Amino acid sequence: MKKIKTLIVDDEKLARDVVVEYLSDYEEFEIAGQCSNGFEAIKMLNELKPDLILGNYVKNRLIIKTSS
């Protein structure tokens, strides 16, 4: 059976650890990587090519300045 390559994204390390611990009970999941924000996740996507991304929704912290 092909494992589901999973990327865990959460700003709280404890939350990531809990998800990893939970998924470790299931053979079908492979933890491909972990990161703390969406910017890191985007960087990891091309490298890891996960089948599944698990994370919480956090508002974008990127501030874009525009000229008027």
N, C-alpha and C. Protein backbone atom coordinates (compact mmCIF):
# COMPACT_ATOMS: atom_id res chain seq x y z
N MET A 1 0.84 -1.18 0.00
CA MET A 1 0.00 0.00 0.00
C MET A 1 0.88 1.25 0.00
N LYS A 2 0.53 2.21 -0.85
CA LYS A 2 1.26 3.46 -0.92
C LYS A 2 0.92 4.31 0.31
N LYS A 3 1.96 4.84 0.94
CA LYS A 3 1.75 5.70 2.11
C LYS A 3 1.35 7.11 1.67
N ILE A 4 0.60 7.78 2.51
CA ILE A 4 0.16 9.15 2.25
C ILE A 4 1.22 10.09 2.83
N LYS A 5 1.99 10.71 1.92
CA LYS A 5 3.03 11.66 2.36
C LYS A 5 2.35 12.91 2.90
N THR A 6 2.61 13.22 4.17
CA THR A 6 1.90 14.29 4.86
C THR A 6 2.85 15.37 5.34
N LEU A 7 2.45 16.62 5.12
CA LEU A 7 3.17 17.79 5.62
C LEU A 7 2.32 18.40 6.72
N ILE A 8 2.92 18.60 7.90
CA ILE A 8 2.22 19.19 9.04
C ILE A 8 2.64 20.65 9.15
N VAL A 9 1.63 21.55 9.17
CA VAL A 9 1.90 22.99 9.25
C VAL A 9 1.13 23.56 10.42
N ASP A 10 1.84 24.09 11.40
CA ASP A 10 1.21 24.73 12.55
C ASP A 10 2.25 25.59 13.25
N ASP A 11 1.85 26.76 13.70
CA ASP A 11 2.80 27.64 14.37
C ASP A 11 3.14 27.16 15.78
N GLU A 12 2.35 26.27 16.32
CA GLU A 12 2.59 25.72 17.66
C GLU A 12 3.28 24.36 17.54
N LYS A 13 4.51 24.27 18.05
CA LYS A 13 5.24 23.01 17.98
C LYS A 13 4.49 21.90 18.70
N LEU A 14 3.88 22.21 19.83
CA LEU A 14 3.13 21.20 20.57
C LEU A 14 2.01 20.61 19.71
N ALA A 15 1.32 21.47 18.97
CA ALA A 15 0.24 20.99 18.09
C ALA A 15 0.79 20.07 17.01
N ARG A 16 1.92 20.45 16.42
CA ARG A 16 2.55 19.58 15.41
C ARG A 16 2.93 18.24 16.01
N ASP A 17 3.49 18.27 17.21
CA ASP A 17 3.89 17.04 17.88
C ASP A 17 2.70 16.12 18.15
N VAL A 18 1.57 16.70 18.54
CA VAL A 18 0.37 15.92 18.81
C VAL A 18 -0.13 15.24 17.53
N VAL A 19 -0.14 15.99 16.43
CA VAL A 19 -0.60 15.41 15.16
C VAL A 19 0.34 14.29 14.71
N VAL A 20 1.64 14.51 14.83
CA VAL A 20 2.62 13.49 14.45
C VAL A 20 2.41 12.24 15.31
N GLU A 21 2.24 12.42 16.60
CA GLU A 21 2.03 11.28 17.50
C GLU A 21 0.75 10.53 17.12
N TYR A 22 -0.31 11.26 16.83
CA TYR A 22 -1.58 10.64 16.46
C TYR A 22 -1.44 9.84 15.16
N LEU A 23 -0.82 10.45 14.15
CA LEU A 23 -0.70 9.78 12.85
C LEU A 23 0.27 8.60 12.89
N SER A 24 1.17 8.59 13.86
CA SER A 24 2.14 7.49 13.94
C SER A 24 1.45 6.15 14.24
N ASP A 25 0.21 6.20 14.71
CA ASP A 25 -0.54 4.96 14.96
C ASP A 25 -1.12 4.36 13.68
N TYR A 26 -1.04 5.08 12.57
CA TYR A 26 -1.63 4.64 11.32
C TYR A 26 -0.54 4.41 10.28
N GLU A 27 -0.46 3.17 9.80
CA GLU A 27 0.58 2.80 8.84
C GLU A 27 0.46 3.56 7.52
N GLU A 28 -0.75 4.01 7.19
CA GLU A 28 -0.94 4.62 5.88
C GLU A 28 -0.33 6.01 5.75
N PHE A 29 0.09 6.61 6.87
CA PHE A 29 0.65 7.97 6.83
C PHE A 29 2.16 7.96 7.00
N GLU A 30 2.80 8.77 6.20
CA GLU A 30 4.24 9.03 6.33
C GLU A 30 4.39 10.53 6.56
N ILE A 31 5.02 10.93 7.64
CA ILE A 31 5.25 12.35 7.91
C ILE A 31 6.44 12.78 7.05
N ALA A 32 6.14 13.53 5.99
CA ALA A 32 7.18 13.97 5.06
C ALA A 32 7.95 15.17 5.62
N GLY A 33 7.25 15.99 6.43
CA GLY A 33 7.90 17.16 6.99
C GLY A 33 6.97 17.94 7.88
N GLN A 34 7.57 18.91 8.58
CA GLN A 34 6.83 19.79 9.47
C GLN A 34 7.37 21.21 9.29
N CYS A 35 6.48 22.17 9.44
CA CYS A 35 6.92 23.57 9.41
C CYS A 35 5.95 24.42 10.22
N SER A 36 6.36 25.66 10.49
CA SER A 36 5.60 26.49 11.43
C SER A 36 4.73 27.56 10.77
N ASN A 37 4.81 27.71 9.44
CA ASN A 37 3.96 28.72 8.81
C ASN A 37 3.79 28.42 7.31
N GLY A 38 2.89 29.17 6.72
CA GLY A 38 2.58 28.96 5.31
C GLY A 38 3.72 29.26 4.37
N PHE A 39 4.55 30.23 4.72
CA PHE A 39 5.69 30.56 3.87
C PHE A 39 6.66 29.37 3.79
N GLU A 40 6.93 28.75 4.94
CA GLU A 40 7.80 27.57 4.95
C GLU A 40 7.14 26.42 4.19
N ALA A 41 5.84 26.29 4.35
CA ALA A 41 5.11 25.21 3.66
C ALA A 41 5.24 25.34 2.15
N ILE A 42 5.10 26.55 1.65
CA ILE A 42 5.22 26.78 0.20
C ILE A 42 6.60 26.38 -0.29
N LYS A 43 7.64 26.72 0.49
CA LYS A 43 9.00 26.35 0.12
C LYS A 43 9.18 24.82 0.09
N MET A 44 8.49 24.13 1.02
CA MET A 44 8.65 22.69 1.14
C MET A 44 7.83 21.90 0.12
N LEU A 45 6.83 22.52 -0.47
CA LEU A 45 5.94 21.80 -1.39
C LEU A 45 6.67 21.17 -2.56
N ASN A 46 7.51 21.94 -3.23
CA ASN A 46 8.23 21.41 -4.40
C ASN A 46 9.21 20.31 -4.01
N GLU A 47 9.84 20.46 -2.86
CA GLU A 47 10.82 19.49 -2.43
C GLU A 47 10.17 18.18 -1.98
N LEU A 48 9.13 18.28 -1.16
CA LEU A 48 8.54 17.09 -0.54
C LEU A 48 7.42 16.45 -1.37
N LYS A 49 6.72 17.28 -2.13
CA LYS A 49 5.57 16.81 -2.93
C LYS A 49 4.60 15.97 -2.08
N PRO A 50 4.06 16.58 -1.00
CA PRO A 50 3.16 15.82 -0.13
C PRO A 50 1.83 15.53 -0.81
N ASP A 51 1.20 14.44 -0.37
CA ASP A 51 -0.14 14.10 -0.83
C ASP A 51 -1.19 14.84 0.00
N LEU A 52 -0.81 15.19 1.23
CA LEU A 52 -1.75 15.79 2.18
C LEU A 52 -1.02 16.84 3.01
N ILE A 53 -1.69 17.97 3.21
CA ILE A 53 -1.16 19.03 4.07
C ILE A 53 -2.17 19.23 5.19
N LEU A 54 -1.69 19.09 6.43
CA LEU A 54 -2.54 19.32 7.59
C LEU A 54 -2.02 20.54 8.34
N GLY A 55 -2.92 21.46 8.65
CA GLY A 55 -2.50 22.64 9.39
C GLY A 55 -3.69 23.46 9.83
N ASN A 56 -3.39 24.46 10.61
CA ASN A 56 -4.46 25.36 11.04
C ASN A 56 -4.45 26.61 10.17
N TYR A 57 -5.54 27.31 10.19
CA TYR A 57 -5.66 28.53 9.40
C TYR A 57 -5.21 29.71 10.24
N VAL A 58 -4.21 30.41 9.77
CA VAL A 58 -3.72 31.62 10.43
C VAL A 58 -3.70 32.71 9.39
N LYS A 59 -4.18 33.89 9.77
CA LYS A 59 -4.17 35.00 8.82
C LYS A 59 -2.76 35.27 8.34
N ASN A 60 -2.67 35.66 7.09
CA ASN A 60 -1.39 35.96 6.47
C ASN A 60 -0.70 37.09 7.22
N ARG A 61 0.55 36.90 7.55
CA ARG A 61 1.31 37.91 8.28
C ARG A 61 2.11 38.80 7.34
N LEU A 62 1.96 38.59 6.06
CA LEU A 62 2.68 39.37 5.08
C LEU A 62 1.97 40.70 4.88
N ILE A 63 2.68 41.79 4.99
CA ILE A 63 2.10 43.10 4.80
C ILE A 63 2.56 43.62 3.44
N ILE A 64 1.61 43.98 2.62
CA ILE A 64 1.94 44.49 1.29
C ILE A 64 1.63 45.98 1.27
N LYS A 65 2.64 46.76 0.96
CA LYS A 65 2.45 48.22 0.90
C LYS A 65 2.14 48.61 -0.54
N THR A 66 1.17 49.44 -0.69
CA THR A 66 0.83 49.94 -2.03
C THR A 66 0.94 51.45 -2.01
N SER A 67 1.29 52.01 -3.14
CA SER A 67 1.32 53.46 -3.23
C SER A 67 0.01 53.96 -3.78
N SER A 68 -0.45 55.09 -3.26
CA SER A 68 -1.75 55.62 -3.73
C SER A 68 -1.54 56.77 -4.68
